[in-house]
Amino acid sequence: MIVIKNTQRSYHIDAPKLKKQVAIVLNAIGYPEYDLTLWFTTNATIRRYNRQFRGKDKETDVISFPYYETTTPGLLPKHSSEEPILGDIMLSPAYVVQHEHTWQETFEERILLLIVHSICHLVGYDHETDADDMRMQTEEQRLLRLLR
């Protein structure tokens, strides 16, 4: 199940459209039955979570909270039927808009890119090394192409 929680009111979020797009991504990565929560929140709230969970006392665009730890990108541990949970993604639309001068996409495209990026993190991709970054970017581009 894909849950979209929107506790900010400054920017429109097309939840039905996002659910369809996220379902396509989850199917493409092989985890269509996994639960995922997207939480659209304010800069103040994401800053509080960023400080608490990442030790960074600043606002950010997105934070991913994976349910499973994995060392192999794209390969989550087998789950029981009672816990098919991918994780949670927290986004700040206000932060995205405040930094729109740094990207080429529309607001909706940028939000989708951040969600795809975060889903990649939830299934074990990272960008700690150049090789990891290349692998993650390749997967992100593959998933984004499916949505175009």
Foldseek 3Di string as FASTA:
>chain_A
DEAEAEPDDPDDDPVVVVVVLVLLLCVVLPQNPAYEYEYEDAQVVQQVVCCVPVVDNGGDAKDWDAPADDQDFSDGDDDDPVHRYLGYMYGYLVVCVVPVVVDDDDSVVVVSLVVLLRSRVSRHQDPPDVVSVVVSVVSSVVSVVVVD
